Amino acid sequence: MGIQVLFKNRALFFIFFYEFLYCFILMCFLWMFFYEFLFFLLSFFYSGSRSFEIGFSGNICP
């Protein structure tokens, strides 16, 4: 019933849809940056110049 009302009021539906889409994309970007930062921090725990290879090339495999 609630979904039918939402579909009837098209403007409200689009507002909810774009709000959800915007939040989803924003969360994806935040997770991407978080993982990049995490791998960058982890790279410093490795010894020698190997850490910089892992950190900057994006190659996680040892």
C-alpha atoms as a PDB file:
ATOM      1  CA  MET A   1       0.000   0.000   0.000  1.00  0.00           C
ATOM      2  CA  GLY A   2       2.791   2.393   0.947  1.00  0.00           C
ATOM      3  CA  ILE A   3       4.701   1.574  -2.246  1.00  0.00           C
ATOM      4  CA  GLN A   4       1.623   2.275  -4.384  1.00  0.00           C
ATOM      5  CA  VAL A   5       1.187   5.685  -2.768  1.00  0.00           C
ATOM      6  CA  LEU A   6       4.879   6.342  -3.347  1.00  0.00           C
ATOM      7  CA  PHE A   7       4.529   5.439  -7.021  1.00  0.00           C
ATOM      8  CA  LYS A   8       1.426   7.642  -7.344  1.00  0.00           C
ATOM      9  CA  ASN A   9       3.292  10.625  -5.959  1.00  0.00           C
ATOM     10  CA  ARG A  10       6.030  10.587  -8.567  1.00  0.00           C
ATOM     11  CA  ALA A  11       7.936  13.612  -7.270  1.00  0.00           C
ATOM     12  CA  LEU A  12       8.249  12.065  -3.804  1.00  0.00           C
ATOM     13  CA  PHE A  13       9.401   8.784  -5.351  1.00  0.00           C
ATOM     14  CA  PHE A  14      12.139  10.500  -7.363  1.00  0.00           C
ATOM     15  CA  ILE A  15      13.279  12.456  -4.302  1.00  0.00           C
ATOM     16  CA  PHE A  16      13.588   9.228  -2.297  1.00  0.00           C
ATOM     17  CA  PHE A  17      15.242   7.423  -5.212  1.00  0.00           C
ATOM     18  CA  TYR A  18      17.878  10.082  -5.848  1.00  0.00           C
ATOM     19  CA  GLU A  19      18.500  10.498  -2.119  1.00  0.00           C
ATOM     20  CA  PHE A  20      19.158   6.754  -1.832  1.00  0.00           C
ATOM     21  CA  LEU A  21      21.331   6.748  -4.966  1.00  0.00           C
ATOM     22  CA  TYR A  22      23.343   9.737  -3.722  1.00  0.00           C
ATOM     23  CA  CYS A  23      23.915   8.121  -0.311  1.00  0.00           C
ATOM     24  CA  PHE A  24      24.915   4.819  -1.961  1.00  0.00           C
ATOM     25  CA  ILE A  25      27.467   6.493  -4.263  1.00  0.00           C
ATOM     26  CA  LEU A  26      28.792   8.597  -1.381  1.00  0.00           C
ATOM     27  CA  MET A  27      29.223   5.485   0.785  1.00  0.00           C
ATOM     28  CA  CYS A  28      31.038   3.689  -2.052  1.00  0.00           C
ATOM     29  CA  PHE A  29      33.472   6.591  -2.429  1.00  0.00           C
ATOM     30  CA  LEU A  30      34.005   6.766   1.332  1.00  0.00           C
ATOM     31  CA  TRP A  31      34.753   3.024   1.503  1.00  0.00           C
ATOM     32  CA  MET A  32      37.160   3.320  -1.448  1.00  0.00           C
ATOM     33  CA  PHE A  33      39.077   6.148   0.207  1.00  0.00           C
ATOM     34  CA  PHE A  34      39.022   4.298   3.540  1.00  0.00           C
ATOM     35  CA  TYR A  35      40.531   1.150   2.001  1.00  0.00           C
ATOM     36  CA  GLU A  36      43.159   3.180   0.122  1.00  0.00           C
ATOM     37  CA  PHE A  37      44.122   4.894   3.375  1.00  0.00           C
ATOM     38  CA  LEU A  38      44.167   1.524   5.193  1.00  0.00           C
ATOM     39  CA  PHE A  39      46.503  -0.063   2.621  1.00  0.00           C
ATOM     40  CA  PHE A  40      48.652   3.073   2.668  1.00  0.00           C
ATOM     41  CA  LEU A  41      48.977   2.759   6.461  1.00  0.00           C
ATOM     42  CA  LEU A  42      49.658  -0.971   6.214  1.00  0.00           C
ATOM     43  CA  SER A  43      52.410  -0.312   3.676  1.00  0.00           C
ATOM     44  CA  PHE A  44      54.418   1.533   6.317  1.00  0.00           C
ATOM     45  CA  PHE A  45      54.527  -1.579   8.511  1.00  0.00           C
ATOM     46  CA  TYR A  46      56.496  -3.441   5.848  1.00  0.00           C
ATOM     47  CA  SER A  47      60.273  -3.035   5.971  1.00  0.00           C
ATOM     48  CA  GLY A  48      62.492  -1.445   3.319  1.00  0.00           C
ATOM     49  CA  SER A  49      61.490  -0.020  -0.051  1.00  0.00           C
ATOM     50  CA  ARG A  50      59.046  -2.903  -0.554  1.00  0.00           C
ATOM     51  CA  SER A  51      56.462  -0.922   1.411  1.00  0.00           C
ATOM     52  CA  PHE A  52      56.561   1.928  -1.087  1.00  0.00           C
ATOM     53  CA  GLU A  53      56.130  -0.520  -3.968  1.00  0.00           C
ATOM     54  CA  ILE A  54      53.009  -1.992  -2.352  1.00  0.00           C
ATOM     55  CA  GLY A  55      51.680   1.405  -1.257  1.00  0.00           C
ATOM     56  CA  PHE A  56      52.010   3.317  -4.511  1.00  0.00           C
ATOM     57  CA  SER A  57      51.569   0.677  -7.215  1.00  0.00           C
ATOM     58  CA  GLY A  58      48.407  -0.725  -5.619  1.00  0.00           C
ATOM     59  CA  ASN A  59      49.745  -4.262  -5.854  1.00  0.00           C
ATOM     60  CA  ILE A  60      48.689  -6.042  -2.668  1.00  0.00           C
ATOM     61  CA  CYS A  61      50.280  -9.400  -3.511  1.00  0.00           C
ATOM     62  CA  PRO A  62      53.701  -9.905  -1.912  1.00  0.00           C
END
